[in-house]
Amino acid sequence: MEATAVAYLAAGFGAGLVVLGAAFGIGKLAAAAMDASGRQPEVAPQVRVSMLIAAALIEGATFFALAICILLALK
């Protein structure tokens, strides 16, 4: 196999793992937030804000990792 083919393959696997990890993390985050809102409805707005901030941080790390995968594939 050529080096470029291996780079494309590794970047594809890396991007897939990044997306799966982010989806799993955001799913767990949303489940915990809904559980907290169901247990104490009076704190639902604060939980929602905290959930959105954490989801944005997860998405930011995901986009960074995807950019790294793209840069490795194009190198």
PDB file of N, CA and C in Angstrom:
ATOM      1  N   MET A   1       0.836  -1.186   0.000  1.00  0.00           N
ATOM      2  CA  MET A   1       0.000   0.000   0.000  1.00  0.00           C
ATOM      3  C   MET A   1       0.876   1.243   0.000  1.00  0.00           C
ATOM      4  N   GLU A   2       0.415   2.232  -0.700  1.00  0.00           N
ATOM      5  CA  GLU A   2       1.155   3.485  -0.739  1.00  0.00           C
ATOM      6  C   GLU A   2       0.922   4.285   0.538  1.00  0.00           C
ATOM      7  N   ALA A   3       1.815   5.206   0.783  1.00  0.00           N
ATOM      8  CA  ALA A   3       1.712   6.021   2.005  1.00  0.00           C
ATOM      9  C   ALA A   3       0.466   6.903   1.975  1.00  0.00           C
ATOM     10  N   THR A   4       0.103   7.421   0.815  1.00  0.00           N
ATOM     11  CA  THR A   4      -1.082   8.285   0.748  1.00  0.00           C
ATOM     12  C   THR A   4      -2.356   7.487   1.000  1.00  0.00           C
ATOM     13  N   ALA A   5      -2.395   6.253   0.523  1.00  0.00           N
ATOM     14  CA  ALA A   5      -3.572   5.421   0.765  1.00  0.00           C
ATOM     15  C   ALA A   5      -3.724   5.122   2.251  1.00  0.00           C
ATOM     16  N   VAL A   6      -2.617   4.865   2.916  1.00  0.00           N
ATOM     17  CA  VAL A   6      -2.660   4.606   4.359  1.00  0.00           C
ATOM     18  C   VAL A   6      -3.093   5.865   5.109  1.00  0.00           C
ATOM     19  N   ALA A   7      -2.631   7.024   4.651  1.00  0.00           N
ATOM     20  CA  ALA A   7      -3.022   8.285   5.286  1.00  0.00           C
ATOM     21  C   ALA A   7      -4.515   8.531   5.133  1.00  0.00           C
ATOM     22  N   TYR A   8      -5.053   8.275   3.946  1.00  0.00           N
ATOM     23  CA  TYR A   8      -6.495   8.433   3.743  1.00  0.00           C
ATOM     24  C   TYR A   8      -7.288   7.467   4.607  1.00  0.00           C
ATOM     25  N   LEU A   9      -6.815   6.228   4.685  1.00  0.00           N
ATOM     26  CA  LEU A   9      -7.499   5.229   5.495  1.00  0.00           C
ATOM     27  C   LEU A   9      -7.479   5.606   6.974  1.00  0.00           C
ATOM     28  N   ALA A  10      -6.325   6.032   7.470  1.00  0.00           N
ATOM     29  CA  ALA A  10      -6.215   6.422   8.877  1.00  0.00           C
ATOM     30  C   ALA A  10      -7.058   7.650   9.188  1.00  0.00           C
ATOM     31  N   ALA A  11      -7.081   8.603   8.264  1.00  0.00           N
ATOM     32  CA  ALA A  11      -7.902   9.803   8.476  1.00  0.00           C
ATOM     33  C   ALA A  11      -9.387   9.445   8.492  1.00  0.00           C
ATOM     34  N   GLY A  12      -9.790   8.523   7.633  1.00  0.00           N
ATOM     35  CA  GLY A  12     -11.192   8.092   7.625  1.00  0.00           C
ATOM     36  C   GLY A  12     -11.590   7.390   8.905  1.00  0.00           C
ATOM     37  N   PHE A  13     -10.737   6.477   9.375  1.00  0.00           N
ATOM     38  CA  PHE A  13     -11.025   5.799  10.638  1.00  0.00           C
ATOM     39  C   PHE A  13     -11.024   6.784  11.800  1.00  0.00           C
ATOM     40  N   GLY A  14     -10.073   7.696  11.793  1.00  0.00           N
ATOM     41  CA  GLY A  14     -10.003   8.697  12.861  1.00  0.00           C
ATOM     42  C   GLY A  14     -11.232   9.573  12.895  1.00  0.00           C
ATOM     43  N   ALA A  15     -11.684  10.018  11.721  1.00  0.00           N
ATOM     44  CA  ALA A  15     -12.882  10.865  11.664  1.00  0.00           C
ATOM     45  C   ALA A  15     -14.111  10.101  12.145  1.00  0.00           C
ATOM     46  N   GLY A  16     -14.210   8.836  11.757  1.00  0.00           N
ATOM     47  CA  GLY A  16     -15.340   8.029  12.209  1.00  0.00           C
ATOM     48  C   GLY A  16     -15.351   7.837  13.716  1.00  0.00           C
ATOM     49  N   LEU A  17     -14.190   7.563  14.286  1.00  0.00           N
ATOM     50  CA  LEU A  17     -14.105   7.398  15.740  1.00  0.00           C
ATOM     51  C   LEU A  17     -14.440   8.693  16.471  1.00  0.00           C
ATOM     52  N   VAL A  18     -13.987   9.817  15.931  1.00  0.00           N
ATOM     53  CA  VAL A  18     -14.270  11.108  16.549  1.00  0.00           C
ATOM     54  C   VAL A  18     -15.776  11.376  16.569  1.00  0.00           C
ATOM     55  N   VAL A  19     -16.424  11.140  15.445  1.00  0.00           N
ATOM     56  CA  VAL A  19     -17.865  11.398  15.366  1.00  0.00           C
ATOM     57  C   VAL A  19     -18.642  10.454  16.280  1.00  0.00           C
ATOM     58  N   LEU A  20     -18.252   9.179  16.315  1.00  0.00           N
ATOM     59  CA  LEU A  20     -18.928   8.242  17.211  1.00  0.00           C
ATOM     60  C   LEU A  20     -18.744   8.633  18.678  1.00  0.00           C
ATOM     61  N   GLY A  21     -17.543   9.026  19.041  1.00  0.00           N
ATOM     62  CA  GLY A  21     -17.297   9.441  20.418  1.00  0.00           C
ATOM     63  C   GLY A  21     -18.089  10.678  20.806  1.00  0.00           C
ATOM     64  N   ALA A  22     -18.158  11.635  19.894  1.00  0.00           N
ATOM     65  CA  ALA A  22     -18.920  12.853  20.178  1.00  0.00           C
ATOM     66  C   ALA A  22     -20.413  12.553  20.302  1.00  0.00           C
ATOM     67  N   ALA A  23     -20.925  11.706  19.426  1.00  0.00           N
ATOM     68  CA  ALA A  23     -22.343  11.353  19.499  1.00  0.00           C
ATOM     69  C   ALA A  23     -22.661  10.624  20.803  1.00  0.00           C
ATOM     70  N   PHE A  24     -21.782   9.734  21.211  1.00  0.00           N
ATOM     71  CA  PHE A  24     -21.980   9.018  22.478  1.00  0.00           C
ATOM     72  C   PHE A  24     -21.941   9.983  23.659  1.00  0.00           C
ATOM     73  N   GLY A  25     -20.985  10.901  23.651  1.00  0.00           N
ATOM     74  CA  GLY A  25     -20.862  11.870  24.745  1.00  0.00           C
ATOM     75  C   GLY A  25     -22.055  12.801  24.838  1.00  0.00           C
ATOM     76  N   ILE A  26     -22.515  13.304  23.706  1.00  0.00           N
ATOM     77  CA  ILE A  26     -23.664  14.213  23.725  1.00  0.00           C
ATOM     78  C   ILE A  26     -24.929  13.451  24.105  1.00  0.00           C
ATOM     79  N   GLY A  27     -25.037  12.199  23.694  1.00  0.00           N
ATOM     80  CA  GLY A  27     -26.196  11.391  24.092  1.00  0.00           C
ATOM     81  C   GLY A  27     -26.252  11.181  25.596  1.00  0.00           C
ATOM     82  N   LYS A  28     -25.100  10.859  26.190  1.00  0.00           N
ATOM     83  CA  LYS A  28     -25.062  10.692  27.647  1.00  0.00           C
ATOM     84  C   LYS A  28     -25.356  12.010  28.363  1.00  0.00           C
ATOM     85  N   LEU A  29     -24.851  13.096  27.803  1.00  0.00           N
ATOM     86  CA  LEU A  29     -25.078  14.415  28.380  1.00  0.00           C
ATOM     87  C   LEU A  29     -26.563  14.771  28.360  1.00  0.00           C
ATOM     88  N   ALA A  30     -27.204  14.541  27.231  1.00  0.00           N
ATOM     89  CA  ALA A  30     -28.633  14.857  27.116  1.00  0.00           C
ATOM     90  C   ALA A  30     -29.471  13.960  28.032  1.00  0.00           C
ATOM     91  N   ALA A  31     -29.114  12.690  28.135  1.00  0.00           N
ATOM     92  CA  ALA A  31     -29.859  11.785  29.013  1.00  0.00           C
ATOM     93  C   ALA A  31     -29.749  12.224  30.466  1.00  0.00           C
ATOM     94  N   ALA A  32     -28.567  12.618  30.881  1.00  0.00           N
ATOM     95  CA  ALA A  32     -28.385  13.073  32.263  1.00  0.00           C
ATOM     96  C   ALA A  32     -29.137  14.380  32.518  1.00  0.00           C
ATOM     97  N   ALA A  33     -29.133  15.265  31.524  1.00  0.00           N
ATOM     98  CA  ALA A  33     -29.856  16.531  31.690  1.00  0.00           C
ATOM     99  C   ALA A  33     -31.364  16.305  31.768  1.00  0.00           C
ATOM    100  N   MET A  34     -31.881  15.417  30.949  1.00  0.00           N
ATOM    101  CA  MET A  34     -33.323  15.135  31.004  1.00  0.00           C
ATOM    102  C   MET A  34     -33.695  14.450  32.321  1.00  0.00           C
ATOM    103  N   ASP A  35     -32.823  13.589  32.806  1.00  0.00           N
ATOM    104  CA  ASP A  35     -33.061  12.938  34.095  1.00  0.00           C
ATOM    105  C   ASP A  35     -33.081  13.976  35.221  1.00  0.00           C
ATOM    106  N   ALA A  36     -32.129  14.908  35.188  1.00  0.00           N
ATOM    107  CA  ALA A  36     -32.087  15.954  36.217  1.00  0.00           C
ATOM    108  C   ALA A  36     -33.302  16.868  36.129  1.00  0.00           C
ATOM    109  N   SER A  37     -33.722  17.191  34.917  1.00  0.00           N
ATOM    110  CA  SER A  37     -34.900  18.048  34.758  1.00  0.00           C
ATOM    111  C   SER A  37     -36.166  17.339  35.216  1.00  0.00           C
ATOM    112  N   GLY A  38     -36.226  16.036  35.007  1.00  0.00           N
ATOM    113  CA  GLY A  38     -37.397  15.278  35.457  1.00  0.00           C
ATOM    114  C   GLY A  38     -37.457  15.150  36.964  1.00  0.00           C
ATOM    115  N   ARG A  39     -36.301  15.058  37.589  1.00  0.00           N
ATOM    116  CA  ARG A  39     -36.277  14.914  39.049  1.00  0.00           C
ATOM    117  C   ARG A  39     -36.549  16.244  39.760  1.00  0.00           C
ATOM    118  N   GLN A  40     -36.009  17.329  39.215  1.00  0.00           N
ATOM    119  CA  GLN A  40     -36.212  18.652  39.820  1.00  0.00           C
ATOM    120  C   GLN A  40     -36.582  19.650  38.716  1.00  0.00           C
ATOM    121  N   PRO A  41     -37.851  19.756  38.400  1.00  0.00           N
ATOM    122  CA  PRO A  41     -38.275  20.638  37.300  1.00  0.00           C
ATOM    123  C   PRO A  41     -37.950  22.116  37.535  1.00  0.00           C
ATOM    124  N   GLU A  42     -37.797  22.514  38.778  1.00  0.00           N
ATOM    125  CA  GLU A  42     -37.528  23.937  39.052  1.00  0.00           C
ATOM    126  C   GLU A  42     -36.129  24.367  38.631  1.00  0.00           C
ATOM    127  N   VAL A  43     -35.207  23.444  38.466  1.00  0.00           N
ATOM    128  CA  VAL A  43     -33.851  23.801  38.030  1.00  0.00           C
ATOM    129  C   VAL A  43     -33.620  23.485  36.552  1.00  0.00           C
ATOM    130  N   ALA A  44     -34.683  23.192  35.813  1.00  0.00           N
ATOM    131  CA  ALA A  44     -34.559  22.826  34.400  1.00  0.00           C
ATOM    132  C   ALA A  44     -33.863  23.900  33.563  1.00  0.00           C
ATOM    133  N   PRO A  45     -34.152  25.197  33.756  1.00  0.00           N
ATOM    134  CA  PRO A  45     -33.438  26.195  32.931  1.00  0.00           C
ATOM    135  C   PRO A  45     -31.928  26.206  33.167  1.00  0.00           C
ATOM    136  N   GLN A  46     -31.498  26.069  34.416  1.00  0.00           N
ATOM    137  CA  GLN A  46     -30.058  26.042  34.690  1.00  0.00           C
ATOM    138  C   GLN A  46     -29.411  24.785  34.109  1.00  0.00           C
ATOM    139  N   VAL A  47     -30.101  23.663  34.199  1.00  0.00           N
ATOM    140  CA  VAL A  47     -29.578  22.413  33.648  1.00  0.00           C
ATOM    141  C   VAL A  47     -29.462  22.520  32.137  1.00  0.00           C
ATOM    142  N   ARG A  48     -30.465  23.134  31.494  1.00  0.00           N
ATOM    143  CA  ARG A  48     -30.447  23.286  30.046  1.00  0.00           C
ATOM    144  C   ARG A  48     -29.261  24.133  29.593  1.00  0.00           C
ATOM    145  N   VAL A  49     -29.003  25.221  30.304  1.00  0.00           N
ATOM    146  CA  VAL A  49     -27.874  26.083  29.947  1.00  0.00           C
ATOM    147  C   VAL A  49     -26.555  25.336  30.120  1.00  0.00           C
ATOM    148  N   SER A  50     -26.419  24.626  31.223  1.00  0.00           N
ATOM    149  CA  SER A  50     -25.200  23.851  31.454  1.00  0.00           C
ATOM    150  C   SER A  50     -25.024  22.774  30.391  1.00  0.00           C
ATOM    151  N   MET A  51     -26.120  22.136  29.990  1.00  0.00           N
ATOM    152  CA  MET A  51     -26.057  21.101  28.959  1.00  0.00           C
ATOM    153  C   MET A  51     -25.618  21.694  27.624  1.00  0.00           C
ATOM    154  N   LEU A  52     -26.157  22.845  27.260  1.00  0.00           N
ATOM    155  CA  LEU A  52     -25.788  23.474  25.991  1.00  0.00           C
ATOM    156  C   LEU A  52     -24.323  23.897  25.982  1.00  0.00           C
ATOM    157  N   ILE A  53     -23.826  24.395  27.090  1.00  0.00           N
ATOM    158  CA  ILE A  53     -22.409  24.781  27.164  1.00  0.00           C
ATOM    159  C   ILE A  53     -21.524  23.544  27.018  1.00  0.00           C
ATOM    160  N   ALA A  54     -21.866  22.472  27.715  1.00  0.00           N
ATOM    161  CA  ALA A  54     -21.073  21.248  27.618  1.00  0.00           C
ATOM    162  C   ALA A  54     -21.150  20.652  26.214  1.00  0.00           C
ATOM    163  N   ALA A  55     -22.322  20.689  25.590  1.00  0.00           N
ATOM    164  CA  ALA A  55     -22.457  20.172  24.227  1.00  0.00           C
ATOM    165  C   ALA A  55     -21.625  21.004  23.248  1.00  0.00           C
ATOM    166  N   ALA A  56     -21.587  22.301  23.446  1.00  0.00           N
ATOM    167  CA  ALA A  56     -20.769  23.153  22.579  1.00  0.00           C
ATOM    168  C   ALA A  56     -19.290  22.842  22.734  1.00  0.00           C
ATOM    169  N   LEU A  57     -18.851  22.564  23.948  1.00  0.00           N
ATOM    170  CA  LEU A  57     -17.455  22.196  24.163  1.00  0.00           C
ATOM    171  C   LEU A  57     -17.118  20.858  23.504  1.00  0.00           C
ATOM    172  N   ILE A  58     -18.039  19.908  23.588  1.00  0.00           N
ATOM    173  CA  ILE A  58     -17.826  18.614  22.932  1.00  0.00           C
ATOM    174  C   ILE A  58     -17.752  18.803  21.421  1.00  0.00           C
ATOM    175  N   GLU A  59     -18.653  19.601  20.863  1.00  0.00           N
ATOM    176  CA  GLU A  59     -18.643  19.848  19.423  1.00  0.00           C
ATOM    177  C   GLU A  59     -17.367  20.565  18.995  1.00  0.00           C
ATOM    178  N   GLY A  60     -16.882  21.485  19.809  1.00  0.00           N
ATOM    179  CA  GLY A  60     -15.640  22.182  19.479  1.00  0.00           C
ATOM    180  C   GLY A  60     -14.462  21.228  19.416  1.00  0.00           C
ATOM    181  N   ALA A  61     -14.386  20.326  20.391  1.00  0.00           N
ATOM    182  CA  ALA A  61     -13.307  19.330  20.377  1.00  0.00           C
ATOM    183  C   ALA A  61     -13.458  18.392  19.189  1.00  0.00           C
ATOM    184  N   THR A  62     -14.693  18.081  18.818  1.00  0.00           N
ATOM    185  CA  THR A  62     -14.943  17.220  17.667  1.00  0.00           C
ATOM    186  C   THR A  62     -14.480  17.886  16.380  1.00  0.00           C
ATOM    187  N   PHE A  63     -14.820  19.143  16.196  1.00  0.00           N
ATOM    188  CA  PHE A  63     -14.395  19.850  14.982  1.00  0.00           C
ATOM    189  C   PHE A  63     -12.877  19.971  14.917  1.00  0.00           C
ATOM    190  N   PHE A  64     -12.243  20.170  16.054  1.00  0.00           N
ATOM    191  CA  PHE A  64     -10.785  20.244  16.078  1.00  0.00           C
ATOM    192  C   PHE A  64     -10.174  18.914  15.651  1.00  0.00           C
ATOM    193  N   ALA A  65     -10.704  17.813  16.190  1.00  0.00           N
ATOM    194  CA  ALA A  65     -10.184  16.497  15.831  1.00  0.00           C
ATOM    195  C   ALA A  65     -10.444  16.176  14.367  1.00  0.00           C
ATOM    196  N   LEU A  66     -11.602  16.573  13.843  1.00  0.00           N
ATOM    197  CA  LEU A  66     -11.874  16.354  12.425  1.00  0.00           C
ATOM    198  C   LEU A  66     -10.938  17.177  11.550  1.00  0.00           C
ATOM    199  N   ALA A  67     -10.618  18.388  11.974  1.00  0.00           N
ATOM    200  CA  ALA A  67      -9.666  19.213  11.210  1.00  0.00           C
ATOM    201  C   ALA A  67      -8.292  18.555  11.198  1.00  0.00           C
ATOM    202  N   ILE A  68      -7.889  17.964  12.315  1.00  0.00           N
ATOM    203  CA  ILE A  68      -6.610  17.248  12.368  1.00  0.00           C
ATOM    204  C   ILE A  68      -6.628  16.068  11.397  1.00  0.00           C
ATOM    205  N   CYS A  69      -7.732  15.317  11.361  1.00  0.00           N
ATOM    206  CA  CYS A  69      -7.848  14.186  10.445  1.00  0.00           C
ATOM    207  C   CYS A  69      -7.765  14.646   8.995  1.00  0.00           C
ATOM    208  N   ILE A  70      -8.418  15.743   8.669  1.00  0.00           N
ATOM    209  CA  ILE A  70      -8.372  16.259   7.293  1.00  0.00           C
ATOM    210  C   ILE A  70      -6.972  16.711   6.944  1.00  0.00           C
ATOM    211  N   LEU A  71      -6.305  17.385   7.859  1.00  0.00           N
ATOM    212  CA  LEU A  71      -4.922  17.835   7.607  1.00  0.00           C
ATOM    213  C   LEU A  71      -3.994  16.636   7.418  1.00  0.00           C
ATOM    214  N   LEU A  72      -4.179  15.596   8.179  1.00  0.00           N
ATOM    215  CA  LEU A  72      -3.339  14.403   8.013  1.00  0.00           C
ATOM    216  C   LEU A  72      -3.606  13.723   6.676  1.00  0.00           C
ATOM    217  N   ALA A  73      -4.854  13.742   6.234  1.00  0.00           N
ATOM    218  CA  ALA A  73      -5.184  13.117   4.955  1.00  0.00           C
ATOM    219  C   ALA A  73      -4.605  13.908   3.783  1.00  0.00           C
ATOM    220  N   LEU A  74      -4.541  15.215   3.921  1.00  0.00           N
ATOM    221  CA  LEU A  74      -4.072  16.061   2.820  1.00  0.00           C
ATOM    222  C   LEU A  74      -2.562  16.215   2.791  1.00  0.00           C
ATOM    223  N   LYS A  75      -1.900  15.767   3.814  1.00  0.00           N
ATOM    224  CA  LYS A  75      -0.445  15.931   3.891  1.00  0.00           C
ATOM    225  C   LYS A  75       0.285  14.974   2.983  1.00  0.00           C
TER     226      LYS A  75
END
